Amino acid sequence: MGDQAFRTSRVFPIRAEALGSAGGAPLAGDSCSSGESFALMVLGDSMLPEFAEGEVIVIEPDGLAADGSFVLAWCGDEWIFRQLVRDAHGWRLRALNPVYPEIALPDLDAVRGVVIQKSRPGRRRASKRYVA
């Protein structure tokens, strides 16, 4: 499998000036108004097959985080995105690739935004929306 198989999906800022400190906790709230959507690029394979490396996701900071939503979260001193799920034990962040463990959340404070759209750079027709 090699090292590539265990790269967690992270996000890479498309416009760093709009995101504040890309490497630290202030991402969506410090430089942007809380309601301003922003785009990030997917890195890694933890969200395959739905999200491939190099795809662009659009995050809505004020989006409604519900069971099954794809979300951006601040966990373990890094930004990641996962699918938010609720079970009998509470909220969890689940990778779509089964080789990655779930992350238990005591509450939804770690969730900072909801993925509302994805697209493949250079392929306008390969866009998908995640809101009704």
N, C-alpha and C. Protein backbone atom coordinates (compact mmCIF):
# COMPACT_ATOMS: atom_id res chain seq x y z
N MET A 1 0.81 -1.20 0.00
CA MET A 1 0.00 0.00 0.00
C MET A 1 0.85 1.26 0.00
N GLY A 2 1.93 1.27 0.71
CA GLY A 2 2.81 2.44 0.73
C GLY A 2 2.30 3.54 1.62
N ASP A 3 3.06 4.63 1.67
CA ASP A 3 2.70 5.77 2.51
C ASP A 3 1.43 6.46 2.03
N GLN A 4 1.18 6.44 0.74
CA GLN A 4 0.04 7.15 0.17
C GLN A 4 -1.29 6.64 0.72
N ALA A 5 -1.38 5.36 1.04
CA ALA A 5 -2.64 4.78 1.50
C ALA A 5 -3.08 5.34 2.85
N PHE A 6 -2.18 5.90 3.62
CA PHE A 6 -2.55 6.37 4.94
C PHE A 6 -2.49 7.88 5.08
N ARG A 7 -2.55 8.60 3.96
CA ARG A 7 -2.62 10.06 4.02
C ARG A 7 -4.04 10.47 4.31
N THR A 8 -4.23 11.17 5.36
CA THR A 8 -5.57 11.63 5.71
C THR A 8 -5.99 12.76 4.79
N SER A 9 -7.28 12.83 4.47
CA SER A 9 -7.75 13.94 3.64
C SER A 9 -7.73 15.20 4.46
N ARG A 10 -7.02 16.15 3.95
CA ARG A 10 -6.95 17.46 4.57
C ARG A 10 -7.44 18.46 3.55
N VAL A 11 -7.43 19.68 3.92
CA VAL A 11 -7.88 20.71 3.00
C VAL A 11 -6.78 21.73 2.78
N PHE A 12 -6.73 22.28 1.60
CA PHE A 12 -5.73 23.26 1.23
C PHE A 12 -6.45 24.51 0.79
N PRO A 13 -6.12 25.68 1.36
CA PRO A 13 -6.84 26.89 1.00
C PRO A 13 -6.60 27.31 -0.44
N ILE A 14 -7.66 27.64 -1.14
CA ILE A 14 -7.55 28.14 -2.51
C ILE A 14 -7.10 29.60 -2.47
N ARG A 15 -7.71 30.39 -1.60
CA ARG A 15 -7.35 31.80 -1.44
C ARG A 15 -6.92 32.00 0.01
N ALA A 16 -5.65 31.91 0.29
CA ALA A 16 -5.16 31.97 1.67
C ALA A 16 -5.52 33.27 2.35
N GLU A 17 -5.55 34.40 1.61
CA GLU A 17 -5.85 35.68 2.24
C GLU A 17 -7.27 35.74 2.76
N ALA A 18 -8.15 34.95 2.21
CA ALA A 18 -9.54 34.95 2.67
C ALA A 18 -9.75 34.02 3.86
N LEU A 19 -8.76 33.19 4.17
CA LEU A 19 -8.94 32.18 5.20
C LEU A 19 -8.19 32.48 6.48
N GLY A 20 -7.41 33.52 6.51
CA GLY A 20 -6.64 33.79 7.71
C GLY A 20 -5.46 32.85 7.79
N SER A 21 -5.16 32.33 8.94
CA SER A 21 -4.04 31.43 9.14
C SER A 21 -4.42 30.03 8.71
N ALA A 22 -3.93 29.59 7.56
CA ALA A 22 -4.31 28.28 7.04
C ALA A 22 -3.80 27.14 7.90
N GLY A 23 -2.71 27.33 8.60
CA GLY A 23 -2.16 26.24 9.40
C GLY A 23 -2.66 26.20 10.82
N GLY A 24 -3.32 27.24 11.29
CA GLY A 24 -3.76 27.28 12.68
C GLY A 24 -5.27 27.32 12.80
N ALA A 25 -5.74 27.42 14.00
CA ALA A 25 -7.17 27.35 14.25
C ALA A 25 -8.01 28.42 13.58
N PRO A 26 -7.56 29.68 13.48
CA PRO A 26 -8.45 30.66 12.87
C PRO A 26 -8.50 30.48 11.36
N LEU A 27 -9.59 29.92 10.87
CA LEU A 27 -9.71 29.71 9.44
C LEU A 27 -10.87 30.52 8.90
N ALA A 28 -12.06 30.15 9.27
CA ALA A 28 -13.21 30.80 8.68
C ALA A 28 -13.67 32.04 9.44
N GLY A 29 -13.38 32.12 10.69
CA GLY A 29 -13.97 33.17 11.49
C GLY A 29 -13.20 34.46 11.60
N ASP A 30 -11.88 34.45 11.44
CA ASP A 30 -11.10 35.65 11.70
C ASP A 30 -11.02 36.60 10.52
N SER A 31 -10.77 36.10 9.31
CA SER A 31 -10.59 36.98 8.17
C SER A 31 -11.87 37.19 7.39
N CYS A 32 -12.78 36.26 7.44
CA CYS A 32 -14.02 36.35 6.68
C CYS A 32 -15.17 36.64 7.64
N SER A 33 -16.20 37.24 7.11
CA SER A 33 -17.40 37.33 7.93
C SER A 33 -17.91 35.92 8.11
N SER A 34 -18.62 35.67 9.18
CA SER A 34 -19.00 34.30 9.49
C SER A 34 -19.90 33.68 8.43
N GLY A 35 -20.56 34.46 7.61
CA GLY A 35 -21.45 33.92 6.62
C GLY A 35 -20.85 33.77 5.24
N GLU A 36 -19.57 34.08 5.06
CA GLU A 36 -18.96 34.05 3.73
C GLU A 36 -18.42 32.67 3.40
N SER A 37 -18.91 32.09 2.32
CA SER A 37 -18.42 30.78 1.87
C SER A 37 -17.00 30.90 1.35
N PHE A 38 -16.26 29.79 1.39
CA PHE A 38 -14.90 29.77 0.88
C PHE A 38 -14.60 28.41 0.30
N ALA A 39 -13.56 28.34 -0.55
CA ALA A 39 -13.20 27.10 -1.24
C ALA A 39 -11.90 26.54 -0.70
N LEU A 40 -11.82 25.21 -0.68
CA LEU A 40 -10.62 24.50 -0.25
C LEU A 40 -10.36 23.35 -1.23
N MET A 41 -9.10 22.94 -1.32
CA MET A 41 -8.75 21.81 -2.17
C MET A 41 -8.50 20.58 -1.30
N VAL A 42 -9.01 19.45 -1.73
CA VAL A 42 -8.87 18.19 -1.01
C VAL A 42 -7.48 17.61 -1.24
N LEU A 43 -6.85 17.17 -0.16
CA LEU A 43 -5.58 16.46 -0.21
C LEU A 43 -5.76 15.14 0.53
N GLY A 44 -5.32 14.05 -0.04
CA GLY A 44 -5.39 12.76 0.63
C GLY A 44 -6.52 11.89 0.13
N ASP A 45 -6.67 10.72 0.78
CA ASP A 45 -7.62 9.73 0.30
C ASP A 45 -8.66 9.27 1.32
N SER A 46 -8.76 9.94 2.45
CA SER A 46 -9.67 9.45 3.49
C SER A 46 -11.15 9.63 3.14
N MET A 47 -11.46 10.46 2.14
CA MET A 47 -12.86 10.67 1.78
C MET A 47 -13.22 10.06 0.43
N LEU A 48 -12.35 9.16 -0.05
CA LEU A 48 -12.68 8.41 -1.27
C LEU A 48 -13.79 7.43 -0.97
N PRO A 49 -14.71 7.16 -1.85
CA PRO A 49 -14.71 7.53 -3.25
C PRO A 49 -15.44 8.84 -3.57
N GLU A 50 -16.09 9.46 -2.62
CA GLU A 50 -16.89 10.67 -2.90
C GLU A 50 -16.02 11.89 -3.22
N PHE A 51 -14.90 12.06 -2.50
CA PHE A 51 -14.04 13.22 -2.69
C PHE A 51 -12.63 12.74 -3.04
N ALA A 52 -12.18 13.10 -4.22
CA ALA A 52 -10.85 12.71 -4.68
C ALA A 52 -9.86 13.84 -4.45
N GLU A 53 -8.59 13.47 -4.31
CA GLU A 53 -7.54 14.47 -4.16
C GLU A 53 -7.56 15.42 -5.35
N GLY A 54 -7.45 16.71 -5.07
CA GLY A 54 -7.45 17.72 -6.11
C GLY A 54 -8.81 18.35 -6.36
N GLU A 55 -9.87 17.75 -5.86
CA GLU A 55 -11.19 18.35 -6.02
C GLU A 55 -11.30 19.57 -5.12
N VAL A 56 -12.16 20.48 -5.51
CA VAL A 56 -12.38 21.70 -4.74
C VAL A 56 -13.72 21.58 -4.04
N ILE A 57 -13.72 21.87 -2.74
CA ILE A 57 -14.96 21.86 -1.97
C ILE A 57 -15.27 23.29 -1.54
N VAL A 58 -16.55 23.61 -1.49
CA VAL A 58 -17.01 24.92 -1.03
C VAL A 58 -17.63 24.72 0.34
N ILE A 59 -17.17 25.51 1.30
CA ILE A 59 -17.61 25.42 2.70
C ILE A 59 -18.51 26.60 3.03
N GLU A 60 -19.63 26.31 3.67
CA GLU A 60 -20.55 27.33 4.18
C GLU A 60 -20.39 27.35 5.70
N PRO A 61 -19.74 28.40 6.25
CA PRO A 61 -19.51 28.45 7.70
C PRO A 61 -20.79 28.44 8.52
N ASP A 62 -21.85 29.01 8.00
CA ASP A 62 -23.12 29.05 8.74
C ASP A 62 -24.07 27.95 8.31
N GLY A 63 -23.56 26.95 7.58
CA GLY A 63 -24.41 25.86 7.11
C GLY A 63 -24.93 25.00 8.26
N LEU A 64 -26.02 24.34 8.01
CA LEU A 64 -26.64 23.48 9.02
C LEU A 64 -25.93 22.13 9.04
N ALA A 65 -25.25 21.84 10.12
CA ALA A 65 -24.56 20.56 10.28
C ALA A 65 -25.56 19.54 10.81
N ALA A 66 -25.86 18.55 10.00
CA ALA A 66 -26.84 17.53 10.36
C ALA A 66 -26.23 16.14 10.15
N ASP A 67 -26.89 15.14 10.67
CA ASP A 67 -26.44 13.77 10.48
C ASP A 67 -26.31 13.49 8.99
N GLY A 68 -25.10 13.06 8.56
CA GLY A 68 -24.85 12.77 7.15
C GLY A 68 -24.19 13.90 6.38
N SER A 69 -24.10 15.09 6.97
CA SER A 69 -23.45 16.22 6.30
C SER A 69 -21.95 15.99 6.20
N PHE A 70 -21.35 16.55 5.16
CA PHE A 70 -19.89 16.60 5.06
C PHE A 70 -19.47 17.93 5.66
N VAL A 71 -18.52 17.87 6.61
CA VAL A 71 -18.17 19.06 7.38
C VAL A 71 -16.67 19.30 7.44
N LEU A 72 -16.31 20.54 7.70
CA LEU A 72 -14.94 20.94 8.00
C LEU A 72 -14.86 21.05 9.52
N ALA A 73 -13.84 20.42 10.10
CA ALA A 73 -13.72 20.42 11.56
C ALA A 73 -12.27 20.65 11.98
N TRP A 74 -12.10 21.23 13.15
CA TRP A 74 -10.78 21.45 13.75
C TRP A 74 -10.60 20.35 14.79
N CYS A 75 -9.75 19.36 14.48
CA CYS A 75 -9.54 18.21 15.37
C CYS A 75 -8.06 17.87 15.44
N GLY A 76 -7.58 17.68 16.64
CA GLY A 76 -6.20 17.26 16.82
C GLY A 76 -5.20 18.23 16.22
N ASP A 77 -5.44 19.51 16.36
CA ASP A 77 -4.56 20.56 15.85
C ASP A 77 -4.41 20.57 14.33
N GLU A 78 -5.44 20.12 13.61
CA GLU A 78 -5.43 20.22 12.16
C GLU A 78 -6.87 20.33 11.64
N TRP A 79 -6.97 20.89 10.46
CA TRP A 79 -8.26 20.99 9.77
C TRP A 79 -8.47 19.71 8.96
N ILE A 80 -9.61 19.09 9.13
CA ILE A 80 -9.96 17.91 8.34
C ILE A 80 -11.41 18.04 7.93
N PHE A 81 -11.80 17.27 6.95
CA PHE A 81 -13.22 17.18 6.69
C PHE A 81 -13.62 15.73 6.66
N ARG A 82 -14.81 15.51 7.13
CA ARG A 82 -15.37 14.17 7.28
C ARG A 82 -16.88 14.26 7.14
N GLN A 83 -17.50 13.09 7.21
CA GLN A 83 -18.95 13.04 7.25
C GLN A 83 -19.36 13.02 8.72
N LEU A 84 -20.29 13.88 9.06
CA LEU A 84 -20.79 13.96 10.42
C LEU A 84 -21.90 12.93 10.59
N VAL A 85 -21.78 12.07 11.59
CA VAL A 85 -22.79 11.05 11.85
C VAL A 85 -23.16 11.05 13.32
N ARG A 86 -24.39 10.69 13.57
CA ARG A 86 -24.86 10.58 14.95
C ARG A 86 -25.31 9.15 15.19
N ASP A 87 -24.87 8.60 16.30
CA ASP A 87 -25.29 7.25 16.68
C ASP A 87 -25.68 7.26 18.15
N ALA A 88 -25.84 6.10 18.73
CA ALA A 88 -26.27 5.98 20.13
C ALA A 88 -25.26 6.59 21.10
N HIS A 89 -23.99 6.72 20.67
CA HIS A 89 -22.94 7.25 21.53
C HIS A 89 -22.71 8.74 21.34
N GLY A 90 -23.40 9.37 20.40
CA GLY A 90 -23.23 10.79 20.16
C GLY A 90 -22.74 11.07 18.75
N TRP A 91 -22.08 12.21 18.58
CA TRP A 91 -21.60 12.65 17.27
C TRP A 91 -20.23 12.07 16.97
N ARG A 92 -20.00 11.76 15.70
CA ARG A 92 -18.72 11.24 15.23
C ARG A 92 -18.38 11.85 13.88
N LEU A 93 -17.08 11.92 13.60
CA LEU A 93 -16.61 12.30 12.27
C LEU A 93 -16.13 11.01 11.60
N ARG A 94 -16.74 10.68 10.47
CA ARG A 94 -16.45 9.42 9.80
C ARG A 94 -15.78 9.67 8.44
N ALA A 95 -14.67 9.00 8.22
CA ALA A 95 -14.04 8.99 6.90
C ALA A 95 -14.81 8.01 6.02
N LEU A 96 -14.92 8.31 4.74
CA LEU A 96 -15.59 7.39 3.83
C LEU A 96 -14.71 6.20 3.47
N ASN A 97 -13.40 6.40 3.52
CA ASN A 97 -12.45 5.33 3.29
C ASN A 97 -12.34 4.54 4.60
N PRO A 98 -12.70 3.25 4.60
CA PRO A 98 -12.77 2.50 5.86
C PRO A 98 -11.44 2.25 6.58
N VAL A 99 -10.30 2.57 5.97
CA VAL A 99 -9.03 2.36 6.68
C VAL A 99 -8.77 3.44 7.73
N TYR A 100 -9.59 4.49 7.75
CA TYR A 100 -9.40 5.58 8.72
C TYR A 100 -10.39 5.44 9.87
N PRO A 101 -9.93 5.70 11.08
CA PRO A 101 -10.82 5.57 12.24
C PRO A 101 -11.81 6.73 12.34
N GLU A 102 -12.89 6.48 13.03
CA GLU A 102 -13.85 7.54 13.34
C GLU A 102 -13.30 8.38 14.48
N ILE A 103 -13.74 9.62 14.54
CA ILE A 103 -13.33 10.54 15.60
C ILE A 103 -14.58 10.89 16.40
N ALA A 104 -14.58 10.59 17.68
CA ALA A 104 -15.72 10.91 18.54
C ALA A 104 -15.69 12.40 18.88
N LEU A 105 -16.85 13.02 18.90
CA LEU A 105 -16.97 14.43 19.26
C LEU A 105 -17.83 14.56 20.51
N PRO A 106 -17.36 15.28 21.52
CA PRO A 106 -18.19 15.49 22.70
C PRO A 106 -19.39 16.39 22.39
N ASP A 107 -19.20 17.29 21.42
CA ASP A 107 -20.28 18.19 20.97
C ASP A 107 -19.91 18.67 19.58
N LEU A 108 -20.65 19.60 19.04
CA LEU A 108 -20.41 20.06 17.67
C LEU A 108 -19.52 21.30 17.59
N ASP A 109 -18.84 21.66 18.67
CA ASP A 109 -17.96 22.84 18.66
C ASP A 109 -16.81 22.72 17.66
N ALA A 110 -16.35 21.52 17.37
CA ALA A 110 -15.24 21.33 16.43
C ALA A 110 -15.67 21.58 14.98
N VAL A 111 -16.95 21.48 14.70
CA VAL A 111 -17.46 21.67 13.34
C VAL A 111 -17.49 23.16 13.03
N ARG A 112 -16.81 23.54 11.95
CA ARG A 112 -16.70 24.96 11.59
C ARG A 112 -17.37 25.31 10.28
N GLY A 113 -17.88 24.33 9.57
CA GLY A 113 -18.56 24.62 8.31
C GLY A 113 -19.04 23.35 7.65
N VAL A 114 -19.95 23.53 6.69
CA VAL A 114 -20.58 22.42 5.98
C VAL A 114 -20.20 22.50 4.51
N VAL A 115 -19.84 21.37 3.92
CA VAL A 115 -19.54 21.32 2.49
C VAL A 115 -20.86 21.45 1.74
N ILE A 116 -20.93 22.46 0.86
CA ILE A 116 -22.16 22.67 0.08
C ILE A 116 -21.99 22.33 -1.40
N GLN A 117 -20.72 22.18 -1.84
CA GLN A 117 -20.50 21.89 -3.24
C GLN A 117 -19.09 21.34 -3.43
N LYS A 118 -18.92 20.52 -4.47
CA LYS A 118 -17.59 20.09 -4.87
C LYS A 118 -17.49 20.21 -6.38
N SER A 119 -16.27 20.38 -6.86
CA SER A 119 -16.05 20.39 -8.30
C SER A 119 -14.63 19.93 -8.59
N ARG A 120 -14.42 19.52 -9.81
CA ARG A 120 -13.12 19.10 -10.29
C ARG A 120 -12.55 20.23 -11.13
N PRO A 121 -11.41 20.79 -10.77
CA PRO A 121 -10.85 21.88 -11.57
C PRO A 121 -10.73 21.48 -13.04
N GLY A 122 -11.19 22.37 -13.91
CA GLY A 122 -11.14 22.12 -15.34
C GLY A 122 -12.31 21.33 -15.88
N ARG A 123 -13.21 20.91 -15.01
CA ARG A 123 -14.39 20.13 -15.44
C ARG A 123 -15.64 20.74 -14.85
N ARG A 124 -16.19 21.70 -15.55
CA ARG A 124 -17.36 22.41 -15.04
C ARG A 124 -18.56 21.48 -14.81
N ARG A 125 -18.71 20.50 -15.67
CA ARG A 125 -19.86 19.60 -15.56
C ARG A 125 -19.70 18.58 -14.43
N ALA A 126 -18.53 18.49 -13.83
CA ALA A 126 -18.28 17.52 -12.77
C ALA A 126 -18.57 18.10 -11.40
N SER A 127 -19.43 19.09 -11.33
CA SER A 127 -19.78 19.74 -10.07
C SER A 127 -20.94 19.01 -9.42
N LYS A 128 -20.95 19.00 -8.08
CA LYS A 128 -22.04 18.37 -7.33
C LYS A 128 -22.38 19.23 -6.14
N ARG A 129 -23.65 19.44 -5.88
CA ARG A 129 -24.11 20.23 -4.73
C ARG A 129 -24.59 19.31 -3.62
N TYR A 130 -24.42 19.76 -2.36
CA TYR A 130 -24.80 18.96 -1.20
C TYR A 130 -25.88 19.62 -0.35
N VAL A 131 -26.59 20.58 -0.89
CA VAL A 131 -27.70 21.20 -0.19
C VAL A 131 -28.94 21.08 -1.04
N ALA A 132 -30.08 21.03 -0.39
CA ALA A 132 -31.34 20.89 -1.12
C ALA A 132 -31.80 22.18 -1.74
